[in-house]
Amino acid sequence: MTINKTQSGNALTIAIEGRLDTTTSPELEAVLKNDLAAAESLTLDFSKLEYISSAGLRVLLSAHKVMSKKGGMTIRNANEIVKEVFEVTGFTDILTIE
């Protein structure tokens, strides 16, 4: 998994490439833990995310909990496989997915 961060003022954008699973989710969790304190809004670009597991969903839920007290969190460019995981798990009702 590759994580690319872009900070524009208080807005943080994180683009994830590869798989977000049990092996890689701790890496994203560490990045978010370091960077969310200074961010007022978070955008996750999933245009190159191939797969997400329940471990990845847990990291997203934690980030959403933190960002819901601030400017919010948005997920963009998820492919059909990832969107289906969000739908089956009910995350489409919780997260802002564009």
PDB file of N, CA and C in Angstrom:
ATOM      1  N   MET A   1       0.848  -1.177   0.000  1.00  0.00           N
ATOM      2  CA  MET A   1       0.000   0.000   0.000  1.00  0.00           C
ATOM      3  C   MET A   1       0.892   1.239   0.000  1.00  0.00           C
ATOM      4  N   THR A   2       0.474   2.226  -0.763  1.00  0.00           N
ATOM      5  CA  THR A   2       1.167   3.513  -0.817  1.00  0.00           C
ATOM      6  C   THR A   2       0.206   4.586  -0.332  1.00  0.00           C
ATOM      7  N   ILE A   3       0.707   5.477   0.526  1.00  0.00           N
ATOM      8  CA  ILE A   3      -0.095   6.577   1.056  1.00  0.00           C
ATOM      9  C   ILE A   3       0.536   7.888   0.622  1.00  0.00           C
ATOM     10  N   ASN A   4      -0.251   8.721  -0.051  1.00  0.00           N
ATOM     11  CA  ASN A   4       0.208  10.046  -0.464  1.00  0.00           C
ATOM     12  C   ASN A   4      -0.640  11.096   0.228  1.00  0.00           C
ATOM     13  N   LYS A   5       0.015  12.015   0.938  1.00  0.00           N
ATOM     14  CA  LYS A   5      -0.693  13.058   1.684  1.00  0.00           C
ATOM     15  C   LYS A   5      -0.502  14.410   1.019  1.00  0.00           C
ATOM     16  N   THR A   6      -1.567  15.209   1.023  1.00  0.00           N
ATOM     17  CA  THR A   6      -1.507  16.579   0.553  1.00  0.00           C
ATOM     18  C   THR A   6      -2.223  17.447   1.583  1.00  0.00           C
ATOM     19  N   GLN A   7      -1.551  18.460   2.068  1.00  0.00           N
ATOM     20  CA  GLN A   7      -2.139  19.378   3.036  1.00  0.00           C
ATOM     21  C   GLN A   7      -2.344  20.719   2.358  1.00  0.00           C
ATOM     22  N   SER A   8      -3.556  21.239   2.416  1.00  0.00           N
ATOM     23  CA  SER A   8      -3.852  22.555   1.878  1.00  0.00           C
ATOM     24  C   SER A   8      -4.573  23.335   2.967  1.00  0.00           C
ATOM     25  N   GLY A   9      -3.827  24.147   3.683  1.00  0.00           N
ATOM     26  CA  GLY A   9      -4.404  24.835   4.833  1.00  0.00           C
ATOM     27  C   GLY A   9      -4.763  23.800   5.888  1.00  0.00           C
ATOM     28  N   ASN A  10      -6.023  23.811   6.300  1.00  0.00           N
ATOM     29  CA  ASN A  10      -6.496  22.842   7.291  1.00  0.00           C
ATOM     30  C   ASN A  10      -7.117  21.604   6.661  1.00  0.00           C
ATOM     31  N   ALA A  11      -7.085  21.529   5.337  1.00  0.00           N
ATOM     32  CA  ALA A  11      -7.686  20.395   4.621  1.00  0.00           C
ATOM     33  C   ALA A  11      -6.611  19.367   4.284  1.00  0.00           C
ATOM     34  N   LEU A  12      -6.834  18.143   4.714  1.00  0.00           N
ATOM     35  CA  LEU A  12      -5.904  17.048   4.464  1.00  0.00           C
ATOM     36  C   LEU A  12      -6.523  16.091   3.452  1.00  0.00           C
ATOM     37  N   THR A  13      -5.763  15.755   2.417  1.00  0.00           N
ATOM     38  CA  THR A  13      -6.184  14.750   1.444  1.00  0.00           C
ATOM     39  C   THR A  13      -5.186  13.606   1.487  1.00  0.00           C
ATOM     40  N   ILE A  14      -5.714  12.402   1.600  1.00  0.00           N
ATOM     41  CA  ILE A  14      -4.872  11.211   1.613  1.00  0.00           C
ATOM     42  C   ILE A  14      -5.329  10.301   0.483  1.00  0.00           C
ATOM     43  N   ALA A  15      -4.398   9.992  -0.413  1.00  0.00           N
ATOM     44  CA  ALA A  15      -4.669   9.071  -1.516  1.00  0.00           C
ATOM     45  C   ALA A  15      -4.017   7.732  -1.176  1.00  0.00           C
ATOM     46  N   ILE A  16      -4.793   6.673  -1.301  1.00  0.00           N
ATOM     47  CA  ILE A  16      -4.309   5.342  -0.954  1.00  0.00           C
ATOM     48  C   ILE A  16      -4.278   4.487  -2.211  1.00  0.00           C
ATOM     49  N   GLU A  17      -3.160   3.813  -2.389  1.00  0.00           N
ATOM     50  CA  GLU A  17      -2.978   2.953  -3.553  1.00  0.00           C
ATOM     51  C   GLU A  17      -2.678   1.540  -3.073  1.00  0.00           C
ATOM     52  N   GLY A  18      -3.372   0.557  -3.635  1.00  0.00           N
ATOM     53  CA  GLY A  18      -3.123  -0.838  -3.278  1.00  0.00           C
ATOM     54  C   GLY A  18      -4.270  -1.436  -2.481  1.00  0.00           C
ATOM     55  N   ARG A  19      -3.913  -2.184  -1.438  1.00  0.00           N
ATOM     56  CA  ARG A  19      -4.894  -2.886  -0.612  1.00  0.00           C
ATOM     57  C   ARG A  19      -4.868  -2.335   0.810  1.00  0.00           C
ATOM     58  N   LEU A  20      -6.051  -2.123   1.375  1.00  0.00           N
ATOM     59  CA  LEU A  20      -6.180  -1.705   2.771  1.00  0.00           C
ATOM     60  C   LEU A  20      -6.752  -2.896   3.527  1.00  0.00           C
ATOM     61  N   ASP A  21      -5.855  -3.650   4.169  1.00  0.00           N
ATOM     62  CA  ASP A  21      -6.261  -4.894   4.811  1.00  0.00           C
ATOM     63  C   ASP A  21      -5.582  -5.027   6.172  1.00  0.00           C
ATOM     64  N   THR A  22      -5.616  -6.210   6.742  1.00  0.00           N
ATOM     65  CA  THR A  22      -5.050  -6.450   8.070  1.00  0.00           C
ATOM     66  C   THR A  22      -3.574  -6.088   8.140  1.00  0.00           C
ATOM     67  N   THR A  23      -2.854  -6.346   7.080  1.00  0.00           N
ATOM     68  CA  THR A  23      -1.423  -6.078   7.046  1.00  0.00           C
ATOM     69  C   THR A  23      -1.113  -4.585   6.916  1.00  0.00           C
ATOM     70  N   THR A  24      -1.885  -3.868   6.113  1.00  0.00           N
ATOM     71  CA  THR A  24      -1.563  -2.471   5.798  1.00  0.00           C
ATOM     72  C   THR A  24      -2.339  -1.440   6.625  1.00  0.00           C
ATOM     73  N   SER A  25      -3.443  -1.830   7.225  1.00  0.00           N
ATOM     74  CA  SER A  25      -4.258  -0.843   7.954  1.00  0.00           C
ATOM     75  C   SER A  25      -3.525  -0.182   9.124  1.00  0.00           C
ATOM     76  N   PRO A  26      -2.602  -0.866   9.836  1.00  0.00           N
ATOM     77  CA  PRO A  26      -1.872  -0.152  10.891  1.00  0.00           C
ATOM     78  C   PRO A  26      -1.053   1.027  10.364  1.00  0.00           C
ATOM     79  N   GLU A  27      -0.570   0.918   9.130  1.00  0.00           N
ATOM     80  CA  GLU A  27       0.193   2.017   8.530  1.00  0.00           C
ATOM     81  C   GLU A  27      -0.701   3.249   8.331  1.00  0.00           C
ATOM     82  N   LEU A  28      -1.897   3.041   7.782  1.00  0.00           N
ATOM     83  CA  LEU A  28      -2.832   4.157   7.602  1.00  0.00           C
ATOM     84  C   LEU A  28      -3.267   4.715   8.951  1.00  0.00           C
ATOM     85  N   GLU A  29      -3.501   3.836   9.891  1.00  0.00           N
ATOM     86  CA  GLU A  29      -3.914   4.271  11.227  1.00  0.00           C
ATOM     87  C   GLU A  29      -2.854   5.180  11.856  1.00  0.00           C
ATOM     88  N   ALA A  30      -1.586   4.838  11.689  1.00  0.00           N
ATOM     89  CA  ALA A  30      -0.494   5.659  12.233  1.00  0.00           C
ATOM     90  C   ALA A  30      -0.431   7.023  11.560  1.00  0.00           C
ATOM     91  N   VAL A  31      -0.600   7.051  10.230  1.00  0.00           N
ATOM     92  CA  VAL A  31      -0.599   8.321   9.498  1.00  0.00           C
ATOM     93  C   VAL A  31      -1.748   9.205   9.979  1.00  0.00           C
ATOM     94  N   LEU A  32      -2.928   8.625  10.092  1.00  0.00           N
ATOM     95  CA  LEU A  32      -4.092   9.396  10.535  1.00  0.00           C
ATOM     96  C   LEU A  32      -3.916   9.902  11.957  1.00  0.00           C
ATOM     97  N   LYS A  33      -3.381   9.078  12.819  1.00  0.00           N
ATOM     98  CA  LYS A  33      -3.172   9.485  14.214  1.00  0.00           C
ATOM     99  C   LYS A  33      -2.269  10.711  14.291  1.00  0.00           C
ATOM    100  N   ASN A  34      -1.240  10.740  13.444  1.00  0.00           N
ATOM    101  CA  ASN A  34      -0.305  11.874  13.431  1.00  0.00           C
ATOM    102  C   ASN A  34      -0.899  13.128  12.815  1.00  0.00           C
ATOM    103  N   ASP A  35      -1.707  12.971  11.771  1.00  0.00           N
ATOM    104  CA  ASP A  35      -2.100  14.119  10.955  1.00  0.00           C
ATOM    105  C   ASP A  35      -3.497  14.675  11.226  1.00  0.00           C
ATOM    106  N   LEU A  36      -4.373  13.914  11.854  1.00  0.00           N
ATOM    107  CA  LEU A  36      -5.747  14.393  12.027  1.00  0.00           C
ATOM    108  C   LEU A  36      -5.874  15.525  13.034  1.00  0.00           C
ATOM    109  N   ALA A  37      -4.956  15.620  13.977  1.00  0.00           N
ATOM    110  CA  ALA A  37      -5.048  16.682  14.983  1.00  0.00           C
ATOM    111  C   ALA A  37      -5.009  18.064  14.349  1.00  0.00           C
ATOM    112  N   ALA A  38      -4.217  18.226  13.295  1.00  0.00           N
ATOM    113  CA  ALA A  38      -4.071  19.531  12.647  1.00  0.00           C
ATOM    114  C   ALA A  38      -5.077  19.754  11.526  1.00  0.00           C
ATOM    115  N   ALA A  39      -5.817  18.715  11.154  1.00  0.00           N
ATOM    116  CA  ALA A  39      -6.736  18.826  10.011  1.00  0.00           C
ATOM    117  C   ALA A  39      -8.147  19.185  10.472  1.00  0.00           C
ATOM    118  N   GLU A  40      -8.784  20.069   9.721  1.00  0.00           N
ATOM    119  CA  GLU A  40     -10.186  20.399   9.970  1.00  0.00           C
ATOM    120  C   GLU A  40     -11.115  19.586   9.071  1.00  0.00           C
ATOM    121  N   SER A  41     -10.583  19.141   7.926  1.00  0.00           N
ATOM    122  CA  SER A  41     -11.367  18.273   7.044  1.00  0.00           C
ATOM    123  C   SER A  41     -10.424  17.232   6.445  1.00  0.00           C
ATOM    124  N   LEU A  42     -10.999  16.072   6.136  1.00  0.00           N
ATOM    125  CA  LEU A  42     -10.227  14.965   5.589  1.00  0.00           C
ATOM    126  C   LEU A  42     -10.920  14.432   4.343  1.00  0.00           C
ATOM    127  N   THR A  43     -10.154  14.304   3.267  1.00  0.00           N
ATOM    128  CA  THR A  43     -10.636  13.669   2.044  1.00  0.00           C
ATOM    129  C   THR A  43      -9.761  12.455   1.779  1.00  0.00           C
ATOM    130  N   LEU A  44     -10.393  11.315   1.586  1.00  0.00           N
ATOM    131  CA  LEU A  44      -9.680  10.092   1.243  1.00  0.00           C
ATOM    132  C   LEU A  44      -9.944   9.790  -0.221  1.00  0.00           C
ATOM    133  N   ASP A  45      -8.884   9.765  -1.011  1.00  0.00           N
ATOM    134  CA  ASP A  45      -8.993   9.468  -2.436  1.00  0.00           C
ATOM    135  C   ASP A  45      -8.705   7.984  -2.635  1.00  0.00           C
ATOM    136  N   PHE A  46      -9.739   7.244  -3.035  1.00  0.00           N
ATOM    137  CA  PHE A  46      -9.624   5.799  -3.204  1.00  0.00           C
ATOM    138  C   PHE A  46      -9.547   5.395  -4.671  1.00  0.00           C
ATOM    139  N   SER A  47      -9.162   6.316  -5.555  1.00  0.00           N
ATOM    140  CA  SER A  47      -9.134   6.011  -6.989  1.00  0.00           C
ATOM    141  C   SER A  47      -8.192   4.858  -7.317  1.00  0.00           C
ATOM    142  N   LYS A  48      -7.172   4.627  -6.493  1.00  0.00           N
ATOM    143  CA  LYS A  48      -6.227   3.535  -6.749  1.00  0.00           C
ATOM    144  C   LYS A  48      -6.279   2.463  -5.662  1.00  0.00           C
ATOM    145  N   LEU A  49      -7.325   2.514  -4.825  1.00  0.00           N
ATOM    146  CA  LEU A  49      -7.511   1.478  -3.805  1.00  0.00           C
ATOM    147  C   LEU A  49      -8.179   0.279  -4.458  1.00  0.00           C
ATOM    148  N   GLU A  50      -7.544  -0.881  -4.368  1.00  0.00           N
ATOM    149  CA  GLU A  50      -8.051  -2.085  -5.018  1.00  0.00           C
ATOM    150  C   GLU A  50      -8.990  -2.896  -4.137  1.00  0.00           C
ATOM    151  N   TYR A  51      -8.766  -2.837  -2.825  1.00  0.00           N
ATOM    152  CA  TYR A  51      -9.485  -3.730  -1.905  1.00  0.00           C
ATOM    153  C   TYR A  51      -9.483  -3.127  -0.516  1.00  0.00           C
ATOM    154  N   ILE A  52     -10.558  -3.372   0.243  1.00  0.00           N
ATOM    155  CA  ILE A  52     -10.611  -2.958   1.645  1.00  0.00           C
ATOM    156  C   ILE A  52     -11.202  -4.098   2.458  1.00  0.00           C
ATOM    157  N   SER A  53     -10.574  -4.396   3.588  1.00  0.00           N
ATOM    158  CA  SER A  53     -11.056  -5.454   4.475  1.00  0.00           C
ATOM    159  C   SER A  53     -11.714  -4.832   5.710  1.00  0.00           C
ATOM    160  N   SER A  54     -12.158  -5.690   6.606  1.00  0.00           N
ATOM    161  CA  SER A  54     -12.791  -5.194   7.838  1.00  0.00           C
ATOM    162  C   SER A  54     -11.798  -4.397   8.684  1.00  0.00           C
ATOM    163  N   ALA A  55     -10.523  -4.745   8.624  1.00  0.00           N
ATOM    164  CA  ALA A  55      -9.511  -3.979   9.353  1.00  0.00           C
ATOM    165  C   ALA A  55      -9.416  -2.558   8.798  1.00  0.00           C
ATOM    166  N   GLY A  56      -9.505  -2.424   7.486  1.00  0.00           N
ATOM    167  CA  GLY A  56      -9.510  -1.103   6.860  1.00  0.00           C
ATOM    168  C   GLY A  56     -10.753  -0.314   7.224  1.00  0.00           C
ATOM    169  N   LEU A  57     -11.888  -1.000   7.268  1.00  0.00           N
ATOM    170  CA  LEU A  57     -13.143  -0.342   7.651  1.00  0.00           C
ATOM    171  C   LEU A  57     -13.062   0.198   9.078  1.00  0.00           C
ATOM    172  N   ARG A  58     -12.412  -0.548   9.956  1.00  0.00           N
ATOM    173  CA  ARG A  58     -12.264  -0.109  11.347  1.00  0.00           C
ATOM    174  C   ARG A  58     -11.467   1.197  11.408  1.00  0.00           C
ATOM    175  N   VAL A  59     -10.403   1.297  10.609  1.00  0.00           N
ATOM    176  CA  VAL A  59      -9.587   2.521  10.568  1.00  0.00           C
ATOM    177  C   VAL A  59     -10.425   3.694  10.055  1.00  0.00           C
ATOM    178  N   LEU A  60     -11.228   3.444   9.024  1.00  0.00           N
ATOM    179  CA  LEU A  60     -12.100   4.506   8.486  1.00  0.00           C
ATOM    180  C   LEU A  60     -13.108   4.966   9.527  1.00  0.00           C
ATOM    181  N   LEU A  61     -13.662   4.025  10.275  1.00  0.00           N
ATOM    182  CA  LEU A  61     -14.644   4.370  11.304  1.00  0.00           C
ATOM    183  C   LEU A  61     -14.012   5.225  12.400  1.00  0.00           C
ATOM    184  N   SER A  62     -12.789   4.892  12.790  1.00  0.00           N
ATOM    185  CA  SER A  62     -12.078   5.690  13.796  1.00  0.00           C
ATOM    186  C   SER A  62     -11.815   7.105  13.296  1.00  0.00           C
ATOM    187  N   ALA A  63     -11.375   7.209  12.040  1.00  0.00           N
ATOM    188  CA  ALA A  63     -11.113   8.534  11.461  1.00  0.00           C
ATOM    189  C   ALA A  63     -12.405   9.336  11.365  1.00  0.00           C
ATOM    190  N   HIS A  64     -13.487   8.673  10.962  1.00  0.00           N
ATOM    191  CA  HIS A  64     -14.782   9.342  10.852  1.00  0.00           C
ATOM    192  C   HIS A  64     -15.223   9.885  12.211  1.00  0.00           C
ATOM    193  N   LYS A  65     -15.001   9.108  13.256  1.00  0.00           N
ATOM    194  CA  LYS A  65     -15.380   9.533  14.607  1.00  0.00           C
ATOM    195  C   LYS A  65     -14.637  10.813  15.003  1.00  0.00           C
ATOM    196  N   VAL A  66     -13.346  10.867  14.703  1.00  0.00           N
ATOM    197  CA  VAL A  66     -12.548  12.055  15.017  1.00  0.00           C
ATOM    198  C   VAL A  66     -12.995  13.242  14.172  1.00  0.00           C
ATOM    199  N   MET A  67     -13.163  13.019  12.868  1.00  0.00           N
ATOM    200  CA  MET A  67     -13.457  14.119  11.951  1.00  0.00           C
ATOM    201  C   MET A  67     -14.904  14.600  12.044  1.00  0.00           C
ATOM    202  N   SER A  68     -15.808  13.790  12.570  1.00  0.00           N
ATOM    203  CA  SER A  68     -17.204  14.238  12.698  1.00  0.00           C
ATOM    204  C   SER A  68     -17.329  15.381  13.706  1.00  0.00           C
ATOM    205  N   LYS A  69     -16.334  15.528  14.574  1.00  0.00           N
ATOM    206  CA  LYS A  69     -16.318  16.626  15.543  1.00  0.00           C
ATOM    207  C   LYS A  69     -15.678  17.880  14.953  1.00  0.00           C
ATOM    208  N   LYS A  70     -15.180  17.749  13.727  1.00  0.00           N
ATOM    209  CA  LYS A  70     -14.520  18.864  13.049  1.00  0.00           C
ATOM    210  C   LYS A  70     -15.281  19.161  11.762  1.00  0.00           C
ATOM    211  N   GLY A  71     -14.543  19.309  10.655  1.00  0.00           N
ATOM    212  CA  GLY A  71     -15.144  19.653   9.370  1.00  0.00           C
ATOM    213  C   GLY A  71     -15.660  18.476   8.562  1.00  0.00           C
ATOM    214  N   GLY A  72     -15.403  17.255   9.035  1.00  0.00           N
ATOM    215  CA  GLY A  72     -15.935  16.083   8.356  1.00  0.00           C
ATOM    216  C   GLY A  72     -14.907  15.335   7.532  1.00  0.00           C
ATOM    217  N   MET A  73     -15.353  14.188   7.023  1.00  0.00           N
ATOM    218  CA  MET A  73     -14.511  13.305   6.230  1.00  0.00           C
ATOM    219  C   MET A  73     -15.286  12.870   4.995  1.00  0.00           C
ATOM    220  N   THR A  74     -14.611  12.871   3.848  1.00  0.00           N
ATOM    221  CA  THR A  74     -15.237  12.485   2.583  1.00  0.00           C
ATOM    222  C   THR A  74     -14.375  11.431   1.904  1.00  0.00           C
ATOM    223  N   ILE A  75     -15.034  10.436   1.331  1.00  0.00           N
ATOM    224  CA  ILE A  75     -14.338   9.427   0.541  1.00  0.00           C
ATOM    225  C   ILE A  75     -14.699   9.668  -0.915  1.00  0.00           C
ATOM    226  N   ARG A  76     -13.675   9.718  -1.762  1.00  0.00           N
ATOM    227  CA  ARG A  76     -13.900   9.976  -3.185  1.00  0.00           C
ATOM    228  C   ARG A  76     -13.283   8.878  -4.045  1.00  0.00           C
ATOM    229  N   ASN A  77     -13.876   8.694  -5.220  1.00  0.00           N
ATOM    230  CA  ASN A  77     -13.325   7.852  -6.285  1.00  0.00           C
ATOM    231  C   ASN A  77     -13.193   6.377  -5.934  1.00  0.00           C
ATOM    232  N   ALA A  78     -14.052   5.843  -5.086  1.00  0.00           N
ATOM    233  CA  ALA A  78     -13.991   4.412  -4.764  1.00  0.00           C
ATOM    234  C   ALA A  78     -14.465   3.597  -5.963  1.00  0.00           C
ATOM    235  N   ASN A  79     -13.800   2.480  -6.222  1.00  0.00           N
ATOM    236  CA  ASN A  79     -14.211   1.618  -7.333  1.00  0.00           C
ATOM    237  C   ASN A  79     -15.436   0.777  -6.928  1.00  0.00           C
ATOM    238  N   GLU A  80     -15.954   0.015  -7.856  1.00  0.00           N
ATOM    239  CA  GLU A  80     -17.183  -0.747  -7.604  1.00  0.00           C
ATOM    240  C   GLU A  80     -17.006  -1.790  -6.508  1.00  0.00           C
ATOM    241  N   ILE A  81     -15.843  -2.416  -6.437  1.00  0.00           N
ATOM    242  CA  ILE A  81     -15.590  -3.438  -5.406  1.00  0.00           C
ATOM    243  C   ILE A  81     -15.639  -2.805  -4.017  1.00  0.00           C
ATOM    244  N   VAL A  82     -14.966  -1.685  -3.852  1.00  0.00           N
ATOM    245  CA  VAL A  82     -14.936  -0.992  -2.556  1.00  0.00           C
ATOM    246  C   VAL A  82     -16.326  -0.445  -2.227  1.00  0.00           C
ATOM    247  N   LYS A  83     -17.023   0.114  -3.215  1.00  0.00           N
ATOM    248  CA  LYS A  83     -18.377   0.621  -2.980  1.00  0.00           C
ATOM    249  C   LYS A  83     -19.301  -0.502  -2.515  1.00  0.00           C
ATOM    250  N   GLU A  84     -19.140  -1.679  -3.100  1.00  0.00           N
ATOM    251  CA  GLU A  84     -19.978  -2.811  -2.699  1.00  0.00           C
ATOM    252  C   GLU A  84     -19.718  -3.204  -1.243  1.00  0.00           C
ATOM    253  N   VAL A  85     -18.463  -3.173  -0.824  1.00  0.00           N
ATOM    254  CA  VAL A  85     -18.134  -3.453   0.580  1.00  0.00           C
ATOM    255  C   VAL A  85     -18.817  -2.424   1.482  1.00  0.00           C
ATOM    256  N   PHE A  86     -18.769  -1.153   1.095  1.00  0.00           N
ATOM    257  CA  PHE A  86     -19.431  -0.103   1.878  1.00  0.00           C
ATOM    258  C   PHE A  86     -20.936  -0.353   1.964  1.00  0.00           C
ATOM    259  N   GLU A  87     -21.545  -0.751   0.862  1.00  0.00           N
ATOM    260  CA  GLU A  87     -22.990  -0.994   0.838  1.00  0.00           C
ATOM    261  C   GLU A  87     -23.376  -2.191   1.701  1.00  0.00           C
ATOM    262  N   VAL A  88     -22.654  -3.285   1.569  1.00  0.00           N
ATOM    263  CA  VAL A  88     -22.970  -4.512   2.310  1.00  0.00           C
ATOM    264  C   VAL A  88     -22.800  -4.305   3.815  1.00  0.00           C
ATOM    265  N   THR A  89     -21.814  -3.521   4.205  1.00  0.00           N
ATOM    266  CA  THR A  89     -21.538  -3.305   5.626  1.00  0.00           C
ATOM    267  C   THR A  89     -22.353  -2.161   6.233  1.00  0.00           C
ATOM    268  N   GLY A  90     -23.082  -1.425   5.407  1.00  0.00           N
ATOM    269  CA  GLY A  90     -23.867  -0.301   5.908  1.00  0.00           C
ATOM    270  C   GLY A  90     -23.075   0.980   6.056  1.00  0.00           C
ATOM    271  N   PHE A  91     -21.834   0.989   5.588  1.00  0.00           N
ATOM    272  CA  PHE A  91     -20.998   2.182   5.718  1.00  0.00           C
ATOM    273  C   PHE A  91     -21.503   3.320   4.834  1.00  0.00           C
ATOM    274  N   THR A  92     -22.307   3.007   3.818  1.00  0.00           N
ATOM    275  CA  THR A  92     -22.858   4.083   2.989  1.00  0.00           C
ATOM    276  C   THR A  92     -23.804   4.968   3.794  1.00  0.00           C
ATOM    277  N   ASP A  93     -24.348   4.425   4.876  1.00  0.00           N
ATOM    278  CA  ASP A  93     -25.234   5.202   5.750  1.00  0.00           C
ATOM    279  C   ASP A  93     -24.459   6.035   6.760  1.00  0.00           C
ATOM    280  N   ILE A  94     -23.192   5.695   6.966  1.00  0.00           N
ATOM    281  CA  ILE A  94     -22.379   6.357   7.991  1.00  0.00           C
ATOM    282  C   ILE A  94     -21.427   7.376   7.382  1.00  0.00           C
ATOM    283  N   LEU A  95     -20.757   6.987   6.299  1.00  0.00           N
ATOM    284  CA  LEU A  95     -19.712   7.809   5.697  1.00  0.00           C
ATOM    285  C   LEU A  95     -20.260   8.680   4.553  1.00  0.00           C
ATOM    286  N   THR A  96     -19.555   9.761   4.266  1.00  0.00           N
ATOM    287  CA  THR A  96     -19.863  10.586   3.107  1.00  0.00           C
ATOM    288  C   THR A  96     -19.016  10.061   1.960  1.00  0.00           C
ATOM    289  N   ILE A  97     -19.676   9.454   0.965  1.00  0.00           N
ATOM    290  CA  ILE A  97     -18.986   8.836  -0.160  1.00  0.00           C
ATOM    291  C   ILE A  97     -19.430   9.516  -1.435  1.00  0.00           C
ATOM    292  N   GLU A  98     -18.464  10.051  -2.162  1.00  0.00           N
ATOM    293  CA  GLU A  98     -18.781  10.752  -3.427  1.00  0.00           C
ATOM    294  C   GLU A  98     -18.271   9.947  -4.592  1.00  0.00           C
TER     295      GLU A  98
END
